[in-house]
Protein backbone atom coordinates (compact mmCIF):
# COMPACT_ATOMS: atom_id res chain seq x y z
CA UNK A 1 -21.92 33.27 39.84
CA UNK A 2 -19.97 32.83 36.58
CA UNK A 3 -22.72 30.39 35.35
CA UNK A 4 -22.76 31.89 31.66
CA UNK A 5 -19.28 30.79 30.53
CA UNK A 6 -17.83 27.54 29.21
CA UNK A 7 -15.60 26.32 31.88
CA UNK A 8 -12.88 23.62 31.82
CA UNK A 9 -13.84 20.98 34.47
CA UNK A 10 -11.73 18.74 36.52
CA UNK A 11 -13.41 15.74 38.23
CA UNK A 12 -12.74 14.96 41.64
CA UNK A 13 -14.11 15.20 45.22
CA UNK A 14 -17.00 17.64 45.60
CA UNK A 15 -18.56 19.76 42.97
CA UNK A 16 -16.59 21.52 40.41
CA UNK A 17 -18.79 24.83 41.09
CA UNK A 18 -17.51 24.76 44.80
CA UNK A 19 -13.95 25.87 43.37
CA UNK A 20 -13.51 28.13 40.39
CA UNK A 21 -10.07 29.15 39.31
CA UNK A 22 -9.24 32.05 37.08
CA UNK A 23 -5.81 31.68 35.67
CA UNK A 24 -3.40 32.58 32.73
CA UNK A 25 -1.90 29.99 30.54
CA UNK A 26 1.60 31.56 30.99
CA UNK A 27 1.43 32.03 34.88
CA UNK A 28 3.73 29.75 37.02
CA UNK A 29 1.75 30.49 40.10
CA UNK A 30 -1.46 29.55 38.13
CA UNK A 31 0.12 26.19 37.14
CA UNK A 32 1.12 25.54 40.81
CA UNK A 33 -2.54 26.35 42.05
CA UNK A 34 -3.88 23.76 39.36
CA UNK A 35 -1.41 21.26 40.32
CA UNK A 36 -2.15 21.71 44.01
CA UNK A 37 -6.00 21.10 43.39
CA UNK A 38 -4.97 18.16 41.22
CA UNK A 39 -2.93 16.70 43.86
CA UNK A 40 -5.64 16.95 46.32
CA UNK A 41 -8.26 15.15 44.10
CA UNK A 42 -10.58 18.06 44.24
CA UNK A 43 -13.27 18.93 41.53
CA UNK A 44 -12.90 22.16 40.16
CA UNK A 45 -13.73 24.42 37.21
CA UNK A 46 -11.04 26.88 35.45
CA UNK A 47 -10.44 29.26 32.71
CA UNK A 48 -7.09 30.63 31.34
CA UNK A 49 -8.35 34.13 30.56
CA UNK A 50 -5.50 34.85 28.26
CA UNK A 51 -6.95 32.22 25.84
CA UNK A 52 -10.55 33.32 25.61
CA UNK A 53 -12.22 36.17 23.60
CA UNK A 54 -11.47 39.64 25.02
CA UNK A 55 -15.20 40.46 25.59
CA UNK A 56 -15.99 37.38 27.59
CA UNK A 57 -12.74 38.08 29.55
CA UNK A 58 -14.00 41.49 30.40
CA UNK A 59 -17.36 40.28 31.26
CA UNK A 60 -15.78 37.75 33.82
CA UNK A 61 -13.48 40.40 35.40
CA UNK A 62 -16.63 42.64 35.70
CA UNK A 63 -18.55 39.94 37.36
CA UNK A 64 -15.73 39.24 39.73
CA UNK A 65 -15.45 42.93 40.89
CA UNK A 66 -19.30 43.09 41.16
CA UNK A 67 -19.06 40.18 43.73
CA UNK A 68 -15.92 41.01 45.39
CA UNK A 69 -15.15 44.64 44.94
CA UNK A 70 -11.98 44.33 43.10
CA UNK A 71 -10.61 42.99 39.84
CA UNK A 72 -9.07 39.39 39.98
CA UNK A 73 -5.36 38.87 39.98
CA UNK A 74 -3.81 35.57 39.15
CA UNK A 75 -4.41 33.01 40.12
CA UNK A 76 -7.73 33.79 41.77
CA UNK A 77 -9.66 30.85 43.36
CA UNK A 78 -13.40 31.50 44.31
CA UNK A 79 -14.57 29.19 47.01
CA UNK A 80 -18.30 28.39 46.89
CA UNK A 81 -19.04 31.69 45.40
CA UNK A 82 -18.55 33.42 48.88
CA UNK A 83 -14.81 34.25 49.24
CA UNK A 84 -11.63 34.09 47.10
CA UNK A 85 -7.96 33.73 47.35
CA UNK A 86 -5.48 35.69 45.28
CA UNK A 87 -2.22 34.30 44.41
CA UNK A 88 -0.98 30.87 45.21
CA UNK A 89 0.48 30.49 48.73
CA UNK A 90 0.38 26.86 49.84
CA UNK A 91 -0.23 27.68 53.54
CA UNK A 92 -3.06 30.04 52.90
CA UNK A 93 -4.48 27.65 50.52
CA UNK A 94 -4.27 24.78 53.17
CA UNK A 95 -5.95 26.84 55.64
CA UNK A 96 -8.80 28.22 53.61
CA UNK A 97 -9.48 25.13 51.31
CA UNK A 98 -8.87 22.51 53.98
CA UNK A 99 -9.45 24.23 57.22
CA UNK A 100 -10.22 20.86 59.04
CA UNK A 101 -6.74 19.60 58.17
CA UNK A 102 -4.94 22.48 59.71
CA UNK A 103 -6.93 22.55 62.80
CA UNK A 104 -5.97 18.93 63.63
């Protein structure tokens, strides 16, 4: 999913294709989401959709809708191309991105 696009990649634990962040450059919650992933030392890829070509932006939104049945809101974190989180709520991200940490 989303393989045809030129992503910004952040190095860290895991593969950057396991976590895909769709964000906006002007979104405070998006900035908090990136900071969260950075603080956890995770590899991820991201795009700020308001800074790319409108046609590419539309294609990405359509692909997201085709896979998940809805348009993305921001931030949207796609986890292993299987599920996604919308918005940045730290407790939810802790449970979904690091379920083994929450269980212990």
